[in-house]
Amino acid sequence: MIETPADYRSFLFLIFIFAKTTQLVKMYCSASQRNNQTMKNTIIAPSVLAADFANLQRDIEMINNSEADWFHIDIMDGVFVPNISFGMPVLAAISKHAKKTIDVHLMIVDPDRYIKTFAELGANVLCVHYEACPHLHRTLQAIKAEGMKAGVALNPHTNVDLLEDVINDIDMVLIMSVNPGFGGQSFIENTYSKVKKLKDLITRKGANTIIEIDGGVTNKNAKQLVEAGADVLVAGSFVFKAENPTETIADLKKLTSF
């Protein structure tokens, strides 16, 4: 109860302190919210194609124990691309030991024949090539029906505008930043503008699609790719040919988280 001028002054002082404290709390919360909104946590996916096949379990365990987020598995048939990589038995062996998301990239003709099989082998994300799917919408629905995330890969010459009518059905678009079929190629510089164009399409269509980059990813281009709009970076030779692959993964993670 206010009985004297001194009491009144004390009351006003308390109100002032309360108002200032409330203002500071709101400013802090607002700043924290902005930081959370702008913080980029890029997914790093080492490509097992570049691993030492004579010590495959060792390299799988290295990925398990590293800061990597996904396993990236390239399946090649020698028809859609010149090389043959590995097939179902090897993927089954990888799945047995992998403790993180398995991202399977099919560089094969007629991928629809194997959708169910790859689901049974443990694939969490299944990515097919636009160029190999004459009925892409149906293929995407079939992948999702098996409980997997549906991805679409684009060769370097393929325009992102071709995905406009199905972008809302695609969980992830993989942009090839080298020509598919061979590891260790040089990065195609046009990829940056292609990523930006795809990001604009995703935003314009209100889609939740994420963007993955595969081919020639290193510490020289990783940050610029993320700034352009990439969410997932596949790194093969850069990781597995490094003196310390675990540290290389950690460096990529740090470089692209901002």
C-alpha atoms as a PDB file:
ATOM      1  CA  MET A   1       0.000   0.000   0.000  1.00  0.00           C
ATOM      2  CA  ILE A   2       1.390   3.424  -1.028  1.00  0.00           C
ATOM      3  CA  GLU A   3       1.204   5.873   1.919  1.00  0.00           C
ATOM      4  CA  THR A   4       4.065   8.370   1.371  1.00  0.00           C
ATOM      5  CA  PRO A   5       5.835  10.068  -1.565  1.00  0.00           C
ATOM      6  CA  ALA A   6       8.817   7.790  -0.900  1.00  0.00           C
ATOM      7  CA  ASP A   7       6.604   4.749  -1.271  1.00  0.00           C
ATOM      8  CA  TYR A   8       5.283   6.145  -4.539  1.00  0.00           C
ATOM      9  CA  ARG A   9       8.805   6.745  -5.865  1.00  0.00           C
ATOM     10  CA  SER A  10       9.793   3.188  -4.904  1.00  0.00           C
ATOM     11  CA  PHE A  11       6.703   1.859  -6.655  1.00  0.00           C
ATOM     12  CA  LEU A  12       7.564   3.760  -9.852  1.00  0.00           C
ATOM     13  CA  PHE A  13      11.146   2.504  -9.653  1.00  0.00           C
ATOM     14  CA  LEU A  14       9.958  -1.103  -9.415  1.00  0.00           C
ATOM     15  CA  ILE A  15       7.695  -0.616 -12.424  1.00  0.00           C
ATOM     16  CA  PHE A  16      10.641   0.837 -14.353  1.00  0.00           C
ATOM     17  CA  ILE A  17      12.889  -2.119 -13.446  1.00  0.00           C
ATOM     18  CA  PHE A  18      10.170  -4.614 -14.405  1.00  0.00           C
ATOM     19  CA  ALA A  19       9.606  -2.920 -17.777  1.00  0.00           C
ATOM     20  CA  LYS A  20      13.322  -2.856 -18.577  1.00  0.00           C
ATOM     21  CA  THR A  21      13.742  -6.513 -17.579  1.00  0.00           C
ATOM     22  CA  THR A  22      10.787  -7.515 -19.743  1.00  0.00           C
ATOM     23  CA  GLN A  23      12.256  -5.563 -22.669  1.00  0.00           C
ATOM     24  CA  LEU A  24      15.654  -7.251 -22.306  1.00  0.00           C
ATOM     25  CA  VAL A  25      14.081 -10.716 -22.129  1.00  0.00           C
ATOM     26  CA  LYS A  26      12.083 -10.041 -25.301  1.00  0.00           C
ATOM     27  CA  MET A  27      15.211  -8.788 -27.094  1.00  0.00           C
ATOM     28  CA  TYR A  28      17.157 -11.887 -26.033  1.00  0.00           C
ATOM     29  CA  CYS A  29      14.395 -14.262 -27.123  1.00  0.00           C
ATOM     30  CA  SER A  30      14.039 -12.467 -30.448  1.00  0.00           C
ATOM     31  CA  ALA A  31      17.780 -12.670 -31.099  1.00  0.00           C
ATOM     32  CA  SER A  32      17.854 -16.352 -30.158  1.00  0.00           C
ATOM     33  CA  GLN A  33      14.945 -17.053 -32.480  1.00  0.00           C
ATOM     34  CA  ARG A  34      16.697 -15.276 -35.364  1.00  0.00           C
ATOM     35  CA  ASN A  35      19.870 -17.252 -34.733  1.00  0.00           C
ATOM     36  CA  ASN A  36      17.933 -20.532 -34.723  1.00  0.00           C
ATOM     37  CA  GLN A  37      16.173 -19.593 -37.938  1.00  0.00           C
ATOM     38  CA  THR A  38      19.382 -18.676 -39.775  1.00  0.00           C
ATOM     39  CA  MET A  39      21.585 -21.456 -38.414  1.00  0.00           C
ATOM     40  CA  LYS A  40      22.366 -23.852 -41.253  1.00  0.00           C
ATOM     41  CA  ASN A  41      22.981 -27.475 -40.349  1.00  0.00           C
ATOM     42  CA  THR A  42      24.198 -28.948 -43.610  1.00  0.00           C
ATOM     43  CA  ILE A  43      23.966 -32.724 -44.057  1.00  0.00           C
ATOM     44  CA  ILE A  44      27.307 -34.333 -44.907  1.00  0.00           C
ATOM     45  CA  ALA A  45      27.034 -37.642 -46.774  1.00  0.00           C
ATOM     46  CA  PRO A  46      30.308 -39.483 -47.467  1.00  0.00           C
ATOM     47  CA  SER A  47      30.098 -41.510 -50.668  1.00  0.00           C
ATOM     48  CA  VAL A  48      30.899 -45.149 -49.955  1.00  0.00           C
ATOM     49  CA  LEU A  49      31.908 -45.618 -53.608  1.00  0.00           C
ATOM     50  CA  ALA A  50      35.210 -43.953 -52.676  1.00  0.00           C
ATOM     51  CA  ALA A  51      35.797 -46.170 -49.626  1.00  0.00           C
ATOM     52  CA  ASP A  52      38.395 -48.955 -49.397  1.00  0.00           C
ATOM     53  CA  PHE A  53      36.372 -52.015 -50.436  1.00  0.00           C
ATOM     54  CA  ALA A  54      38.956 -54.309 -48.850  1.00  0.00           C
ATOM     55  CA  ASN A  55      38.224 -52.601 -45.528  1.00  0.00           C
ATOM     56  CA  LEU A  56      34.580 -51.671 -46.036  1.00  0.00           C
ATOM     57  CA  GLN A  57      33.409 -52.394 -42.484  1.00  0.00           C
ATOM     58  CA  ARG A  58      36.226 -50.258 -41.095  1.00  0.00           C
ATOM     59  CA  ASP A  59      35.165 -47.328 -43.291  1.00  0.00           C
ATOM     60  CA  ILE A  60      31.506 -47.799 -42.375  1.00  0.00           C
ATOM     61  CA  GLU A  61      32.414 -47.636 -38.701  1.00  0.00           C
ATOM     62  CA  MET A  62      34.465 -44.511 -39.399  1.00  0.00           C
ATOM     63  CA  ILE A  63      31.354 -42.831 -40.822  1.00  0.00           C
ATOM     64  CA  ASN A  64      29.272 -44.084 -37.881  1.00  0.00           C
ATOM     65  CA  ASN A  65      31.701 -42.490 -35.432  1.00  0.00           C
ATOM     66  CA  SER A  66      32.213 -39.264 -37.370  1.00  0.00           C
ATOM     67  CA  GLU A  67      30.136 -36.096 -37.658  1.00  0.00           C
ATOM     68  CA  ALA A  68      28.720 -37.312 -40.975  1.00  0.00           C
ATOM     69  CA  ASP A  69      24.927 -37.468 -41.173  1.00  0.00           C
ATOM     70  CA  TRP A  70      24.244 -39.916 -44.016  1.00  0.00           C
ATOM     71  CA  PHE A  71      25.769 -42.761 -45.976  1.00  0.00           C
ATOM     72  CA  HIS A  72      25.626 -42.094 -49.721  1.00  0.00           C
ATOM     73  CA  ILE A  73      25.480 -45.270 -51.814  1.00  0.00           C
ATOM     74  CA  ASP A  74      25.934 -45.138 -55.599  1.00  0.00           C
ATOM     75  CA  ILE A  75      24.417 -48.041 -57.527  1.00  0.00           C
ATOM     76  CA  MET A  76      25.625 -48.228 -61.151  1.00  0.00           C
ATOM     77  CA  ASP A  77      24.524 -50.741 -63.770  1.00  0.00           C
ATOM     78  CA  GLY A  78      27.041 -50.253 -66.595  1.00  0.00           C
ATOM     79  CA  VAL A  79      24.175 -49.216 -68.914  1.00  0.00           C
ATOM     80  CA  PHE A  80      22.838 -45.864 -67.701  1.00  0.00           C
ATOM     81  CA  VAL A  81      26.439 -45.010 -66.805  1.00  0.00           C
ATOM     82  CA  PRO A  82      29.632 -46.688 -68.090  1.00  0.00           C
ATOM     83  CA  ASN A  83      30.756 -48.146 -64.763  1.00  0.00           C
ATOM     84  CA  ILE A  84      29.384 -50.916 -62.562  1.00  0.00           C
ATOM     85  CA  SER A  85      29.684 -50.239 -58.818  1.00  0.00           C
ATOM     86  CA  PHE A  86      28.065 -52.739 -56.467  1.00  0.00           C
ATOM     87  CA  GLY A  87      24.719 -54.401 -56.036  1.00  0.00           C
ATOM     88  CA  MET A  88      22.342 -55.821 -53.472  1.00  0.00           C
ATOM     89  CA  PRO A  89      24.710 -58.034 -51.420  1.00  0.00           C
ATOM     90  CA  VAL A  90      27.083 -55.148 -50.736  1.00  0.00           C
ATOM     91  CA  LEU A  91      24.222 -52.809 -49.824  1.00  0.00           C
ATOM     92  CA  ALA A  92      22.877 -55.484 -47.475  1.00  0.00           C
ATOM     93  CA  ALA A  93      26.289 -55.686 -45.798  1.00  0.00           C
ATOM     94  CA  ILE A  94      26.483 -51.906 -45.456  1.00  0.00           C
ATOM     95  CA  SER A  95      22.971 -51.728 -43.988  1.00  0.00           C
ATOM     96  CA  LYS A  96      23.904 -54.337 -41.412  1.00  0.00           C
ATOM     97  CA  HIS A  97      26.514 -52.042 -39.876  1.00  0.00           C
ATOM     98  CA  ALA A  98      25.358 -48.514 -40.795  1.00  0.00           C
ATOM     99  CA  LYS A  99      23.810 -46.528 -37.947  1.00  0.00           C
ATOM    100  CA  LYS A 100      22.848 -43.457 -39.939  1.00  0.00           C
ATOM    101  CA  THR A 101      20.529 -42.584 -42.817  1.00  0.00           C
ATOM    102  CA  ILE A 102      21.219 -44.598 -45.968  1.00  0.00           C
ATOM    103  CA  ASP A 103      20.888 -42.446 -49.074  1.00  0.00           C
ATOM    104  CA  VAL A 104      20.825 -44.625 -52.220  1.00  0.00           C
ATOM    105  CA  HIS A 105      21.479 -43.034 -55.615  1.00  0.00           C
ATOM    106  CA  LEU A 106      20.383 -45.266 -58.496  1.00  0.00           C
ATOM    107  CA  MET A 107      22.317 -44.687 -61.710  1.00  0.00           C
ATOM    108  CA  ILE A 108      20.463 -47.447 -63.519  1.00  0.00           C
ATOM    109  CA  VAL A 109      17.875 -47.950 -66.244  1.00  0.00           C
ATOM    110  CA  ASP A 110      14.321 -48.943 -65.288  1.00  0.00           C
ATOM    111  CA  PRO A 111      14.749 -48.279 -61.542  1.00  0.00           C
ATOM    112  CA  ASP A 112      11.065 -49.084 -60.894  1.00  0.00           C
ATOM    113  CA  ARG A 113      11.891 -52.797 -60.984  1.00  0.00           C
ATOM    114  CA  TYR A 114      13.989 -52.526 -57.832  1.00  0.00           C
ATOM    115  CA  ILE A 115      12.152 -50.020 -55.632  1.00  0.00           C
ATOM    116  CA  LYS A 116      10.748 -52.624 -53.249  1.00  0.00           C
ATOM    117  CA  THR A 117      14.082 -54.454 -53.105  1.00  0.00           C
ATOM    118  CA  PHE A 118      15.999 -51.353 -52.051  1.00  0.00           C
ATOM    119  CA  ALA A 119      13.424 -50.633 -49.373  1.00  0.00           C
ATOM    120  CA  GLU A 120      13.920 -54.147 -48.009  1.00  0.00           C
ATOM    121  CA  LEU A 121      17.699 -53.625 -48.057  1.00  0.00           C
ATOM    122  CA  GLY A 122      17.425 -50.624 -45.739  1.00  0.00           C
ATOM    123  CA  ALA A 123      17.430 -47.576 -47.994  1.00  0.00           C
ATOM    124  CA  ASN A 124      15.934 -44.527 -46.273  1.00  0.00           C
ATOM    125  CA  VAL A 125      16.236 -42.200 -49.260  1.00  0.00           C
ATOM    126  CA  LEU A 126      15.966 -43.550 -52.812  1.00  0.00           C
ATOM    127  CA  CYS A 127      17.047 -41.268 -55.618  1.00  0.00           C
ATOM    128  CA  VAL A 128      16.283 -42.049 -59.276  1.00  0.00           C
ATOM    129  CA  HIS A 129      17.446 -40.171 -62.360  1.00  0.00           C
ATOM    130  CA  TYR A 130      15.013 -37.952 -64.195  1.00  0.00           C
ATOM    131  CA  GLU A 131      16.601 -39.170 -67.420  1.00  0.00           C
ATOM    132  CA  ALA A 132      15.792 -42.821 -66.594  1.00  0.00           C
ATOM    133  CA  CYS A 133      12.128 -42.362 -65.604  1.00  0.00           C
ATOM    134  CA  PRO A 134       9.544 -41.823 -68.364  1.00  0.00           C
ATOM    135  CA  HIS A 135       6.775 -41.960 -65.740  1.00  0.00           C
ATOM    136  CA  LEU A 136       8.476 -39.987 -62.975  1.00  0.00           C
ATOM    137  CA  HIS A 137       5.348 -39.134 -60.975  1.00  0.00           C
ATOM    138  CA  ARG A 138       4.403 -42.810 -60.740  1.00  0.00           C
ATOM    139  CA  THR A 139       7.959 -43.713 -59.733  1.00  0.00           C
ATOM    140  CA  LEU A 140       7.947 -41.128 -56.931  1.00  0.00           C
ATOM    141  CA  GLN A 141       4.677 -42.465 -55.560  1.00  0.00           C
ATOM    142  CA  ALA A 142       6.010 -46.021 -55.646  1.00  0.00           C
ATOM    143  CA  ILE A 143       9.103 -44.999 -53.654  1.00  0.00           C
ATOM    144  CA  LYS A 144       6.997 -43.279 -51.005  1.00  0.00           C
ATOM    145  CA  ALA A 145       4.621 -46.232 -50.828  1.00  0.00           C
ATOM    146  CA  GLU A 146       7.591 -48.335 -49.648  1.00  0.00           C
ATOM    147  CA  GLY A 147       8.270 -45.896 -46.788  1.00  0.00           C
ATOM    148  CA  MET A 148      11.298 -44.166 -48.310  1.00  0.00           C
ATOM    149  CA  LYS A 149      11.983 -40.520 -49.098  1.00  0.00           C
ATOM    150  CA  ALA A 150      11.816 -39.921 -52.858  1.00  0.00           C
ATOM    151  CA  GLY A 151      14.702 -38.225 -54.630  1.00  0.00           C
ATOM    152  CA  VAL A 152      15.289 -37.192 -58.232  1.00  0.00           C
ATOM    153  CA  ALA A 153      18.780 -36.762 -59.697  1.00  0.00           C
ATOM    154  CA  LEU A 154      19.584 -34.435 -62.588  1.00  0.00           C
ATOM    155  CA  ASN A 155      22.544 -34.856 -64.929  1.00  0.00           C
ATOM    156  CA  PRO A 156      24.594 -31.700 -65.614  1.00  0.00           C
ATOM    157  CA  HIS A 157      22.773 -30.999 -68.894  1.00  0.00           C
ATOM    158  CA  THR A 158      19.236 -31.418 -67.477  1.00  0.00           C
ATOM    159  CA  ASN A 159      17.291 -28.210 -66.777  1.00  0.00           C
ATOM    160  CA  VAL A 160      15.731 -27.858 -63.324  1.00  0.00           C
ATOM    161  CA  ASP A 161      12.571 -26.387 -64.899  1.00  0.00           C
ATOM    162  CA  LEU A 162      11.635 -29.911 -65.981  1.00  0.00           C
ATOM    163  CA  LEU A 163      10.743 -30.648 -62.346  1.00  0.00           C
ATOM    164  CA  GLU A 164       8.234 -27.825 -61.970  1.00  0.00           C
ATOM    165  CA  ASP A 165       5.140 -30.040 -62.255  1.00  0.00           C
ATOM    166  CA  VAL A 166       6.381 -32.614 -59.719  1.00  0.00           C
ATOM    167  CA  ILE A 167       8.553 -30.586 -57.331  1.00  0.00           C
ATOM    168  CA  ASN A 168       5.950 -30.829 -54.545  1.00  0.00           C
ATOM    169  CA  ASP A 169       6.121 -34.637 -54.794  1.00  0.00           C
ATOM    170  CA  ILE A 170       9.921 -34.726 -54.492  1.00  0.00           C
ATOM    171  CA  ASP A 171      11.611 -34.923 -51.087  1.00  0.00           C
ATOM    172  CA  MET A 172      15.100 -34.269 -52.473  1.00  0.00           C
ATOM    173  CA  VAL A 173      16.658 -33.183 -55.739  1.00  0.00           C
ATOM    174  CA  LEU A 174      20.199 -34.389 -56.363  1.00  0.00           C
ATOM    175  CA  ILE A 175      22.162 -32.126 -58.689  1.00  0.00           C
ATOM    176  CA  MET A 176      25.066 -33.876 -60.362  1.00  0.00           C
ATOM    177  CA  SER A 177      28.018 -31.494 -60.303  1.00  0.00           C
ATOM    178  CA  VAL A 178      30.059 -33.935 -62.401  1.00  0.00           C
ATOM    179  CA  ASN A 179      28.991 -36.365 -65.107  1.00  0.00           C
ATOM    180  CA  PRO A 180      27.660 -39.530 -63.441  1.00  0.00           C
ATOM    181  CA  GLY A 181      29.565 -42.784 -63.455  1.00  0.00           C
ATOM    182  CA  PHE A 182      33.079 -41.902 -62.326  1.00  0.00           C
ATOM    183  CA  GLY A 183      34.568 -40.698 -59.052  1.00  0.00           C
ATOM    184  CA  GLY A 184      37.258 -38.047 -58.704  1.00  0.00           C
ATOM    185  CA  GLN A 185      36.038 -35.699 -61.470  1.00  0.00           C
ATOM    186  CA  SER A 186      36.400 -31.922 -61.459  1.00  0.00           C
ATOM    187  CA  PHE A 187      33.508 -29.847 -60.197  1.00  0.00           C
ATOM    188  CA  ILE A 188      31.292 -28.184 -62.847  1.00  0.00           C
ATOM    189  CA  GLU A 189      31.144 -24.448 -62.048  1.00  0.00           C
ATOM    190  CA  ASN A 190      27.656 -23.985 -63.534  1.00  0.00           C
ATOM    191  CA  THR A 191      26.338 -25.935 -60.536  1.00  0.00           C
ATOM    192  CA  TYR A 192      26.112 -22.796 -58.384  1.00  0.00           C
ATOM    193  CA  SER A 193      23.627 -21.061 -60.679  1.00  0.00           C
ATOM    194  CA  LYS A 194      21.727 -24.325 -61.135  1.00  0.00           C
ATOM    195  CA  VAL A 195      21.307 -24.662 -57.376  1.00  0.00           C
ATOM    196  CA  LYS A 196      20.054 -21.078 -57.102  1.00  0.00           C
ATOM    197  CA  LYS A 197      17.574 -21.657 -59.915  1.00  0.00           C
ATOM    198  CA  LEU A 198      16.303 -24.836 -58.249  1.00  0.00           C
ATOM    199  CA  LYS A 199      16.019 -23.082 -54.877  1.00  0.00           C
ATOM    200  CA  ASP A 200      13.926 -20.358 -56.513  1.00  0.00           C
ATOM    201  CA  LEU A 201      11.634 -23.003 -58.012  1.00  0.00           C
ATOM    202  CA  ILE A 202      11.208 -24.736 -54.635  1.00  0.00           C
ATOM    203  CA  THR A 203      10.397 -21.449 -52.920  1.00  0.00           C
ATOM    204  CA  ARG A 204       8.010 -20.314 -55.643  1.00  0.00           C
ATOM    205  CA  LYS A 205       6.077 -23.600 -55.531  1.00  0.00           C
ATOM    206  CA  GLY A 206       6.020 -23.716 -51.713  1.00  0.00           C
ATOM    207  CA  ALA A 207       7.703 -27.140 -51.705  1.00  0.00           C
ATOM    208  CA  ASN A 208       9.663 -28.730 -48.838  1.00  0.00           C
ATOM    209  CA  THR A 209      12.233 -30.264 -51.170  1.00  0.00           C
ATOM    210  CA  ILE A 210      15.871 -30.279 -50.089  1.00  0.00           C
ATOM    211  CA  ILE A 211      18.858 -30.031 -52.458  1.00  0.00           C
ATOM    212  CA  GLU A 212      21.766 -32.477 -52.577  1.00  0.00           C
ATOM    213  CA  ILE A 213      25.026 -31.963 -54.479  1.00  0.00           C
ATOM    214  CA  ASP A 214      27.048 -34.925 -55.734  1.00  0.00           C
ATOM    215  CA  GLY A 215      30.424 -34.659 -57.429  1.00  0.00           C
ATOM    216  CA  GLY A 216      33.669 -32.807 -56.816  1.00  0.00           C
ATOM    217  CA  VAL A 217      32.633 -31.418 -53.414  1.00  0.00           C
ATOM    218  CA  THR A 218      35.591 -30.149 -51.372  1.00  0.00           C
ATOM    219  CA  ASN A 219      36.354 -27.510 -48.776  1.00  0.00           C
ATOM    220  CA  LYS A 220      36.940 -25.104 -51.685  1.00  0.00           C
ATOM    221  CA  ASN A 221      33.309 -25.073 -52.855  1.00  0.00           C
ATOM    222  CA  ALA A 222      31.230 -26.463 -49.966  1.00  0.00           C
ATOM    223  CA  LYS A 223      30.375 -23.126 -48.332  1.00  0.00           C
ATOM    224  CA  GLN A 224      29.472 -21.487 -51.640  1.00  0.00           C
ATOM    225  CA  LEU A 225      27.180 -24.408 -52.497  1.00  0.00           C
ATOM    226  CA  VAL A 226      25.360 -24.084 -49.179  1.00  0.00           C
ATOM    227  CA  GLU A 227      25.062 -20.321 -49.645  1.00  0.00           C
ATOM    228  CA  ALA A 228      23.500 -21.002 -53.058  1.00  0.00           C
ATOM    229  CA  GLY A 229      20.871 -23.242 -51.426  1.00  0.00           C
ATOM    230  CA  ALA A 230      22.314 -26.753 -51.013  1.00  0.00           C
ATOM    231  CA  ASP A 231      21.228 -28.797 -47.979  1.00  0.00           C
ATOM    232  CA  VAL A 232      23.160 -32.059 -48.485  1.00  0.00           C
ATOM    233  CA  LEU A 233      26.763 -32.418 -49.664  1.00  0.00           C
ATOM    234  CA  VAL A 234      28.059 -35.741 -50.950  1.00  0.00           C
ATOM    235  CA  ALA A 235      31.828 -36.086 -50.626  1.00  0.00           C
ATOM    236  CA  GLY A 236      33.698 -39.145 -51.829  1.00  0.00           C
ATOM    237  CA  SER A 237      37.349 -38.837 -52.834  1.00  0.00           C
ATOM    238  CA  PHE A 238      37.792 -35.683 -50.761  1.00  0.00           C
ATOM    239  CA  VAL A 239      36.901 -37.627 -47.620  1.00  0.00           C
ATOM    240  CA  PHE A 240      38.334 -41.073 -48.212  1.00  0.00           C
ATOM    241  CA  LYS A 241      41.624 -39.934 -49.775  1.00  0.00           C
ATOM    242  CA  ALA A 242      42.266 -37.540 -46.915  1.00  0.00           C
ATOM    243  CA  GLU A 243      44.972 -38.305 -44.381  1.00  0.00           C
ATOM    244  CA  ASN A 244      42.320 -38.167 -41.657  1.00  0.00           C
ATOM    245  CA  PRO A 245      38.805 -38.741 -43.060  1.00  0.00           C
ATOM    246  CA  THR A 246      37.148 -38.142 -39.680  1.00  0.00           C
ATOM    247  CA  GLU A 247      38.736 -34.708 -39.349  1.00  0.00           C
ATOM    248  CA  THR A 248      37.913 -33.894 -42.971  1.00  0.00           C
ATOM    249  CA  ILE A 249      34.231 -34.653 -42.328  1.00  0.00           C
ATOM    250  CA  ALA A 250      34.302 -32.514 -39.172  1.00  0.00           C
ATOM    251  CA  ASP A 251      35.904 -29.649 -41.101  1.00  0.00           C
ATOM    252  CA  LEU A 252      33.226 -29.845 -43.819  1.00  0.00           C
ATOM    253  CA  LYS A 253      30.508 -29.874 -41.160  1.00  0.00           C
ATOM    254  CA  LYS A 254      31.970 -26.832 -39.423  1.00  0.00           C
ATOM    255  CA  LEU A 255      32.554 -24.982 -42.688  1.00  0.00           C
ATOM    256  CA  THR A 256      28.936 -25.395 -43.808  1.00  0.00           C
ATOM    257  CA  SER A 257      27.158 -24.796 -40.488  1.00  0.00           C
ATOM    258  CA  PHE A 258      26.574 -21.077 -40.139  1.00  0.00           C
END
